[in-house]
């Protein structure tokens, strides 16, 4: 019997010690795993003390043989990327629904944070959920557009942060994503970080924390 794929990974309970009043789900990059981004949780928790943080491992072994992936990058044609992120969409959606149910929360108390391939996945999933999430923060990623704008069921606020020296995903990808989102009616912010490569710097963390706090109704420091 083949068991269905499920997502799991490290998590952090609310810093306040009380029940979660919001969820922040962190989706890692290609070849990493949930441990890679759960380290952001203590920093975000300073602005979101009542939020729980979940950082699931990608569902598939990475093409390289190390770490996990949300979908294969062995073929990076637009058609293959779209097919790959569509395959991950159902798994991520199911995980988000299960976690909201487990914590007794509604989608407006959920935010997604992605890095690189996790940004691609976060954006694709959030835009297609029937009930909008509170916010999406995407670091060092790109947008995989679908074939039909009628698929866009939700338009949550989006923040994109990208290094202008990124050798893996060009900063031009952020500009293109921001333009697409703005034209499609999304509230969007884009921040280019000078001298930053493929990573997240302290200012990017601070920007993300303030954005998440603003849209999850917390007090912004």
C-alpha atoms as a PDB file:
ATOM      1  CA  UNK A   1       0.000   0.000   0.000  1.00  0.00           C
ATOM      2  CA  UNK A   2       1.395   3.416  -1.007  1.00  0.00           C
ATOM      3  CA  UNK A   3       1.014   5.952   1.777  1.00  0.00           C
ATOM      4  CA  UNK A   4      -0.038   9.478   0.727  1.00  0.00           C
ATOM      5  CA  UNK A   5       2.568  12.208   0.952  1.00  0.00           C
ATOM      6  CA  UNK A   6       2.242  14.466   3.973  1.00  0.00           C
ATOM      7  CA  UNK A   7       4.268  17.431   5.151  1.00  0.00           C
ATOM      8  CA  UNK A   8       6.025  17.725   8.486  1.00  0.00           C
ATOM      9  CA  UNK A   9       8.956  19.610   9.920  1.00  0.00           C
ATOM     10  CA  UNK A  10      10.201  21.767  12.772  1.00  0.00           C
ATOM     11  CA  UNK A  11       7.952  24.269  14.508  1.00  0.00           C
ATOM     12  CA  UNK A  12       7.995  26.875  17.260  1.00  0.00           C
ATOM     13  CA  UNK A  13       5.156  27.606  19.661  1.00  0.00           C
ATOM     14  CA  UNK A  14       4.063  31.177  20.417  1.00  0.00           C
ATOM     15  CA  UNK A  15       6.677  33.078  22.396  1.00  0.00           C
ATOM     16  CA  UNK A  16       3.902  34.384  24.635  1.00  0.00           C
ATOM     17  CA  UNK A  17       3.254  30.871  25.919  1.00  0.00           C
ATOM     18  CA  UNK A  18      -0.439  31.074  25.068  1.00  0.00           C
ATOM     19  CA  UNK A  19      -2.456  29.477  22.286  1.00  0.00           C
ATOM     20  CA  UNK A  20      -1.592  30.471  18.753  1.00  0.00           C
ATOM     21  CA  UNK A  21      -3.538  33.457  17.485  1.00  0.00           C
ATOM     22  CA  UNK A  22      -1.793  33.351  14.110  1.00  0.00           C
ATOM     23  CA  UNK A  23       0.236  30.926  11.996  1.00  0.00           C
ATOM     24  CA  UNK A  24       3.336  31.695   9.949  1.00  0.00           C
ATOM     25  CA  UNK A  25       4.348  28.906   7.577  1.00  0.00           C
ATOM     26  CA  UNK A  26       7.913  29.008   6.266  1.00  0.00           C
ATOM     27  CA  UNK A  27       8.722  27.286   2.947  1.00  0.00           C
ATOM     28  CA  UNK A  28      12.431  26.634   2.399  1.00  0.00           C
ATOM     29  CA  UNK A  29      14.502  26.756  -0.753  1.00  0.00           C
ATOM     30  CA  UNK A  30      15.618  24.002  -3.122  1.00  0.00           C
ATOM     31  CA  UNK A  31      18.045  21.552  -1.512  1.00  0.00           C
ATOM     32  CA  UNK A  32      17.364  22.699   2.056  1.00  0.00           C
ATOM     33  CA  UNK A  33      14.750  21.544   4.571  1.00  0.00           C
ATOM     34  CA  UNK A  34      12.538  22.961   7.291  1.00  0.00           C
ATOM     35  CA  UNK A  35      15.486  23.504   9.634  1.00  0.00           C
ATOM     36  CA  UNK A  36      16.830  26.101   7.231  1.00  0.00           C
ATOM     37  CA  UNK A  37      14.054  28.639   7.863  1.00  0.00           C
ATOM     38  CA  UNK A  38      12.794  27.813  11.354  1.00  0.00           C
ATOM     39  CA  UNK A  39      15.746  29.929  12.532  1.00  0.00           C
ATOM     40  CA  UNK A  40      13.785  32.987  11.400  1.00  0.00           C
ATOM     41  CA  UNK A  41      11.012  32.227  13.885  1.00  0.00           C
ATOM     42  CA  UNK A  42      12.645  33.745  17.012  1.00  0.00           C
ATOM     43  CA  UNK A  43      13.234  37.016  15.145  1.00  0.00           C
ATOM     44  CA  UNK A  44       9.705  37.183  13.735  1.00  0.00           C
ATOM     45  CA  UNK A  45       8.307  36.193  17.138  1.00  0.00           C
ATOM     46  CA  UNK A  46       9.580  39.463  18.613  1.00  0.00           C
ATOM     47  CA  UNK A  47       6.931  41.211  16.508  1.00  0.00           C
ATOM     48  CA  UNK A  48       4.465  38.302  16.611  1.00  0.00           C
ATOM     49  CA  UNK A  49       4.587  36.826  20.134  1.00  0.00           C
ATOM     50  CA  UNK A  50       1.224  35.104  19.738  1.00  0.00           C
ATOM     51  CA  UNK A  51       2.077  33.378  16.440  1.00  0.00           C
ATOM     52  CA  UNK A  52       3.097  29.760  15.962  1.00  0.00           C
ATOM     53  CA  UNK A  53       5.718  29.043  13.297  1.00  0.00           C
ATOM     54  CA  UNK A  54       5.754  25.941  11.105  1.00  0.00           C
ATOM     55  CA  UNK A  55       8.581  25.047   8.718  1.00  0.00           C
ATOM     56  CA  UNK A  56       7.697  21.846   6.839  1.00  0.00           C
ATOM     57  CA  UNK A  57      10.212  19.861   4.832  1.00  0.00           C
ATOM     58  CA  UNK A  58       9.611  19.778   1.093  1.00  0.00           C
ATOM     59  CA  UNK A  59       7.792  16.613   0.009  1.00  0.00           C
ATOM     60  CA  UNK A  60      10.452  15.245  -2.362  1.00  0.00           C
ATOM     61  CA  UNK A  61      14.165  14.388  -2.146  1.00  0.00           C
ATOM     62  CA  UNK A  62      16.189  17.041  -3.967  1.00  0.00           C
ATOM     63  CA  UNK A  63      17.483  16.321  -7.470  1.00  0.00           C
ATOM     64  CA  UNK A  64      21.016  16.805  -6.130  1.00  0.00           C
ATOM     65  CA  UNK A  65      20.647  13.987  -3.595  1.00  0.00           C
ATOM     66  CA  UNK A  66      20.892  16.415  -0.676  1.00  0.00           C
ATOM     67  CA  UNK A  67      18.001  18.094   1.133  1.00  0.00           C
ATOM     68  CA  UNK A  68      14.411  18.407  -0.056  1.00  0.00           C
ATOM     69  CA  UNK A  69      12.527  20.164  -2.816  1.00  0.00           C
ATOM     70  CA  UNK A  70       8.978  21.317  -3.496  1.00  0.00           C
ATOM     71  CA  UNK A  71       9.333  20.236  -7.117  1.00  0.00           C
ATOM     72  CA  UNK A  72      12.106  19.204  -9.492  1.00  0.00           C
ATOM     73  CA  UNK A  73      14.327  21.764 -11.198  1.00  0.00           C
ATOM     74  CA  UNK A  74      15.945  19.261 -13.560  1.00  0.00           C
ATOM     75  CA  UNK A  75      13.928  20.902 -16.357  1.00  0.00           C
ATOM     76  CA  UNK A  76      13.656  24.653 -15.859  1.00  0.00           C
ATOM     77  CA  UNK A  77      11.463  25.416 -18.844  1.00  0.00           C
ATOM     78  CA  UNK A  78       8.359  27.494 -18.003  1.00  0.00           C
ATOM     79  CA  UNK A  79       6.122  24.495 -18.769  1.00  0.00           C
ATOM     80  CA  UNK A  80       8.045  22.182 -16.444  1.00  0.00           C
ATOM     81  CA  UNK A  81       8.155  24.740 -13.624  1.00  0.00           C
ATOM     82  CA  UNK A  82       4.406  25.267 -13.885  1.00  0.00           C
ATOM     83  CA  UNK A  83       3.730  21.536 -13.831  1.00  0.00           C
ATOM     84  CA  UNK A  84       6.033  21.113 -10.853  1.00  0.00           C
ATOM     85  CA  UNK A  85       4.518  23.834  -8.714  1.00  0.00           C
ATOM     86  CA  UNK A  86       1.029  22.593  -9.583  1.00  0.00           C
ATOM     87  CA  UNK A  87       2.000  19.171  -8.242  1.00  0.00           C
ATOM     88  CA  UNK A  88       3.160  20.735  -4.967  1.00  0.00           C
ATOM     89  CA  UNK A  89       0.101  22.981  -4.658  1.00  0.00           C
ATOM     90  CA  UNK A  90      -2.284  20.325  -3.367  1.00  0.00           C
ATOM     91  CA  UNK A  91       0.161  19.100  -0.734  1.00  0.00           C
ATOM     92  CA  UNK A  92       0.809  22.605   0.576  1.00  0.00           C
ATOM     93  CA  UNK A  93      -2.873  23.521   0.515  1.00  0.00           C
ATOM     94  CA  UNK A  94      -3.743  20.380   2.460  1.00  0.00           C
ATOM     95  CA  UNK A  95      -1.058  21.122   5.038  1.00  0.00           C
ATOM     96  CA  UNK A  96      -2.262  24.708   5.487  1.00  0.00           C
ATOM     97  CA  UNK A  97      -5.879  23.609   5.894  1.00  0.00           C
ATOM     98  CA  UNK A  98      -4.909  20.913   8.409  1.00  0.00           C
ATOM     99  CA  UNK A  99      -2.807  23.324  10.465  1.00  0.00           C
ATOM    100  CA  UNK A 100      -5.519  25.988  10.498  1.00  0.00           C
ATOM    101  CA  UNK A 101      -8.026  23.379  11.678  1.00  0.00           C
ATOM    102  CA  UNK A 102      -5.625  22.076  14.326  1.00  0.00           C
ATOM    103  CA  UNK A 103      -5.172  25.560  15.762  1.00  0.00           C
ATOM    104  CA  UNK A 104      -8.781  26.666  15.342  1.00  0.00           C
ATOM    105  CA  UNK A 105      -7.813  29.580  13.109  1.00  0.00           C
ATOM    106  CA  UNK A 106      -9.190  31.084   9.909  1.00  0.00           C
ATOM    107  CA  UNK A 107      -7.141  31.844   6.752  1.00  0.00           C
ATOM    108  CA  UNK A 108      -6.917  35.546   7.592  1.00  0.00           C
ATOM    109  CA  UNK A 109      -4.697  34.512  10.534  1.00  0.00           C
ATOM    110  CA  UNK A 110      -2.205  32.721   8.273  1.00  0.00           C
ATOM    111  CA  UNK A 111       0.873  34.105   6.525  1.00  0.00           C
ATOM    112  CA  UNK A 112       3.345  32.389   4.207  1.00  0.00           C
ATOM    113  CA  UNK A 113       7.070  33.138   4.093  1.00  0.00           C
ATOM    114  CA  UNK A 114       9.165  31.625   1.329  1.00  0.00           C
ATOM    115  CA  UNK A 115      12.803  31.577   0.286  1.00  0.00           C
ATOM    116  CA  UNK A 116      13.825  30.934  -3.339  1.00  0.00           C
ATOM    117  CA  UNK A 117      11.811  27.867  -4.471  1.00  0.00           C
ATOM    118  CA  UNK A 118       9.712  28.325  -1.332  1.00  0.00           C
ATOM    119  CA  UNK A 119       8.818  31.806  -2.597  1.00  0.00           C
ATOM    120  CA  UNK A 120       7.717  30.350  -5.937  1.00  0.00           C
ATOM    121  CA  UNK A 121       5.550  27.833  -4.099  1.00  0.00           C
ATOM    122  CA  UNK A 122       4.152  30.313  -1.562  1.00  0.00           C
ATOM    123  CA  UNK A 123       3.073  32.788  -4.233  1.00  0.00           C
ATOM    124  CA  UNK A 124       1.539  30.152  -6.473  1.00  0.00           C
ATOM    125  CA  UNK A 125      -0.451  28.561  -3.648  1.00  0.00           C
ATOM    126  CA  UNK A 126      -1.584  31.779  -1.939  1.00  0.00           C
ATOM    127  CA  UNK A 127      -2.934  33.260  -5.171  1.00  0.00           C
ATOM    128  CA  UNK A 128      -5.133  30.223  -5.758  1.00  0.00           C
ATOM    129  CA  UNK A 129      -6.700  29.713  -2.343  1.00  0.00           C
ATOM    130  CA  UNK A 130     -10.418  30.426  -2.188  1.00  0.00           C
ATOM    131  CA  UNK A 131     -10.035  32.387   1.053  1.00  0.00           C
ATOM    132  CA  UNK A 132      -7.106  34.811   1.160  1.00  0.00           C
ATOM    133  CA  UNK A 133      -4.269  34.431   3.618  1.00  0.00           C
ATOM    134  CA  UNK A 134      -3.174  37.500   5.577  1.00  0.00           C
ATOM    135  CA  UNK A 135       0.135  38.049   3.784  1.00  0.00           C
ATOM    136  CA  UNK A 136       2.983  36.532   1.785  1.00  0.00           C
ATOM    137  CA  UNK A 137       6.665  37.379   2.190  1.00  0.00           C
ATOM    138  CA  UNK A 138       8.972  36.140  -0.556  1.00  0.00           C
ATOM    139  CA  UNK A 139      12.762  36.232  -0.297  1.00  0.00           C
ATOM    140  CA  UNK A 140      15.102  35.703  -3.273  1.00  0.00           C
ATOM    141  CA  UNK A 141      12.490  34.057  -5.461  1.00  0.00           C
ATOM    142  CA  UNK A 142      10.454  34.434  -8.602  1.00  0.00           C
ATOM    143  CA  UNK A 143       6.852  34.116  -9.668  1.00  0.00           C
ATOM    144  CA  UNK A 144       5.615  31.198 -11.734  1.00  0.00           C
ATOM    145  CA  UNK A 145       2.614  32.545 -13.588  1.00  0.00           C
ATOM    146  CA  UNK A 146      -0.224  30.234 -14.546  1.00  0.00           C
ATOM    147  CA  UNK A 147      -1.896  30.011 -17.912  1.00  0.00           C
ATOM    148  CA  UNK A 148      -5.098  31.805 -16.932  1.00  0.00           C
ATOM    149  CA  UNK A 149      -5.614  34.778 -14.624  1.00  0.00           C
ATOM    150  CA  UNK A 150      -9.028  33.315 -13.781  1.00  0.00           C
ATOM    151  CA  UNK A 151      -7.076  30.981 -11.475  1.00  0.00           C
ATOM    152  CA  UNK A 152      -6.261  33.905  -9.218  1.00  0.00           C
ATOM    153  CA  UNK A 153      -8.839  33.536  -6.480  1.00  0.00           C
ATOM    154  CA  UNK A 154      -7.062  35.585  -3.795  1.00  0.00           C
ATOM    155  CA  UNK A 155      -4.992  38.752  -3.787  1.00  0.00           C
ATOM    156  CA  UNK A 156      -3.244  38.922  -0.410  1.00  0.00           C
ATOM    157  CA  UNK A 157      -0.644  41.595   0.350  1.00  0.00           C
ATOM    158  CA  UNK A 158       2.810  40.536  -0.852  1.00  0.00           C
ATOM    159  CA  UNK A 159       6.292  41.692   0.118  1.00  0.00           C
ATOM    160  CA  UNK A 160       9.256  40.704  -2.057  1.00  0.00           C
ATOM    161  CA  UNK A 161      12.854  41.083  -0.861  1.00  0.00           C
ATOM    162  CA  UNK A 162      15.824  40.328  -3.104  1.00  0.00           C
ATOM    163  CA  UNK A 163      19.568  40.925  -3.195  1.00  0.00           C
ATOM    164  CA  UNK A 164      20.852  42.928  -6.120  1.00  0.00           C
ATOM    165  CA  UNK A 165      23.920  40.636  -6.269  1.00  0.00           C
ATOM    166  CA  UNK A 166      21.963  37.363  -6.307  1.00  0.00           C
ATOM    167  CA  UNK A 167      23.798  34.918  -8.616  1.00  0.00           C
ATOM    168  CA  UNK A 168      21.122  32.216  -8.409  1.00  0.00           C
ATOM    169  CA  UNK A 169      17.863  34.054  -9.061  1.00  0.00           C
ATOM    170  CA  UNK A 170      18.379  37.402 -10.734  1.00  0.00           C
ATOM    171  CA  UNK A 171      16.966  40.476  -9.054  1.00  0.00           C
ATOM    172  CA  UNK A 172      15.161  41.074 -12.347  1.00  0.00           C
ATOM    173  CA  UNK A 173      12.875  38.205 -11.319  1.00  0.00           C
ATOM    174  CA  UNK A 174      11.677  40.260  -8.347  1.00  0.00           C
ATOM    175  CA  UNK A 175      10.982  43.263 -10.554  1.00  0.00           C
ATOM    176  CA  UNK A 176       9.035  41.082 -12.998  1.00  0.00           C
ATOM    177  CA  UNK A 177       7.061  39.456 -10.166  1.00  0.00           C
ATOM    178  CA  UNK A 178       6.213  42.810  -8.587  1.00  0.00           C
ATOM    179  CA  UNK A 179       5.060  44.193 -11.942  1.00  0.00           C
ATOM    180  CA  UNK A 180       2.860  41.154 -12.581  1.00  0.00           C
ATOM    181  CA  UNK A 181       1.321  41.260  -9.110  1.00  0.00           C
ATOM    182  CA  UNK A 182       0.667  44.986  -9.253  1.00  0.00           C
ATOM    183  CA  UNK A 183      -1.032  44.716 -12.642  1.00  0.00           C
ATOM    184  CA  UNK A 184      -3.116  41.809 -11.319  1.00  0.00           C
ATOM    185  CA  UNK A 185      -4.402  43.920  -8.431  1.00  0.00           C
ATOM    186  CA  UNK A 186      -2.236  42.710  -5.551  1.00  0.00           C
ATOM    187  CA  UNK A 187      -0.994  45.090  -2.854  1.00  0.00           C
ATOM    188  CA  UNK A 188       2.750  44.604  -3.296  1.00  0.00           C
ATOM    189  CA  UNK A 189       5.984  45.947  -1.829  1.00  0.00           C
ATOM    190  CA  UNK A 190       9.402  45.213  -3.336  1.00  0.00           C
ATOM    191  CA  UNK A 191      12.743  45.796  -1.616  1.00  0.00           C
ATOM    192  CA  UNK A 192      16.109  45.455  -3.349  1.00  0.00           C
ATOM    193  CA  UNK A 193      18.949  44.831  -0.896  1.00  0.00           C
ATOM    194  CA  UNK A 194      22.295  46.296  -2.027  1.00  0.00           C
ATOM    195  CA  UNK A 195      25.219  43.893  -2.175  1.00  0.00           C
ATOM    196  CA  UNK A 196      23.198  40.888  -1.027  1.00  0.00           C
ATOM    197  CA  UNK A 197      23.561  37.545  -2.796  1.00  0.00           C
ATOM    198  CA  UNK A 198      21.159  34.594  -2.590  1.00  0.00           C
ATOM    199  CA  UNK A 199      20.162  34.942   1.036  1.00  0.00           C
ATOM    200  CA  UNK A 200      18.348  36.911   3.719  1.00  0.00           C
ATOM    201  CA  UNK A 201      20.069  39.742   5.568  1.00  0.00           C
ATOM    202  CA  UNK A 202      19.126  41.359   8.905  1.00  0.00           C
ATOM    203  CA  UNK A 203      17.317  44.236   7.194  1.00  0.00           C
ATOM    204  CA  UNK A 204      15.311  41.733   5.150  1.00  0.00           C
ATOM    205  CA  UNK A 205      14.320  39.943   8.340  1.00  0.00           C
ATOM    206  CA  UNK A 206      13.261  43.242   9.928  1.00  0.00           C
ATOM    207  CA  UNK A 207      11.248  44.197   6.846  1.00  0.00           C
ATOM    208  CA  UNK A 208       9.504  40.828   6.876  1.00  0.00           C
ATOM    209  CA  UNK A 209       8.740  40.990  10.591  1.00  0.00           C
ATOM    210  CA  UNK A 210       7.141  44.431  10.309  1.00  0.00           C
ATOM    211  CA  UNK A 211       5.126  43.393   7.261  1.00  0.00           C
ATOM    212  CA  UNK A 212       3.844  40.234   8.936  1.00  0.00           C
ATOM    213  CA  UNK A 213       2.971  42.082  12.138  1.00  0.00           C
ATOM    214  CA  UNK A 214       1.111  44.742  10.184  1.00  0.00           C
ATOM    215  CA  UNK A 215      -1.062  42.226   8.373  1.00  0.00           C
ATOM    216  CA  UNK A 216      -1.597  39.829  11.247  1.00  0.00           C
ATOM    217  CA  UNK A 217      -2.775  42.626  13.504  1.00  0.00           C
ATOM    218  CA  UNK A 218       0.141  42.591  15.930  1.00  0.00           C
ATOM    219  CA  UNK A 219       1.890  45.601  17.369  1.00  0.00           C
ATOM    220  CA  UNK A 220       4.712  46.740  15.111  1.00  0.00           C
ATOM    221  CA  UNK A 221       7.907  47.600  16.993  1.00  0.00           C
END
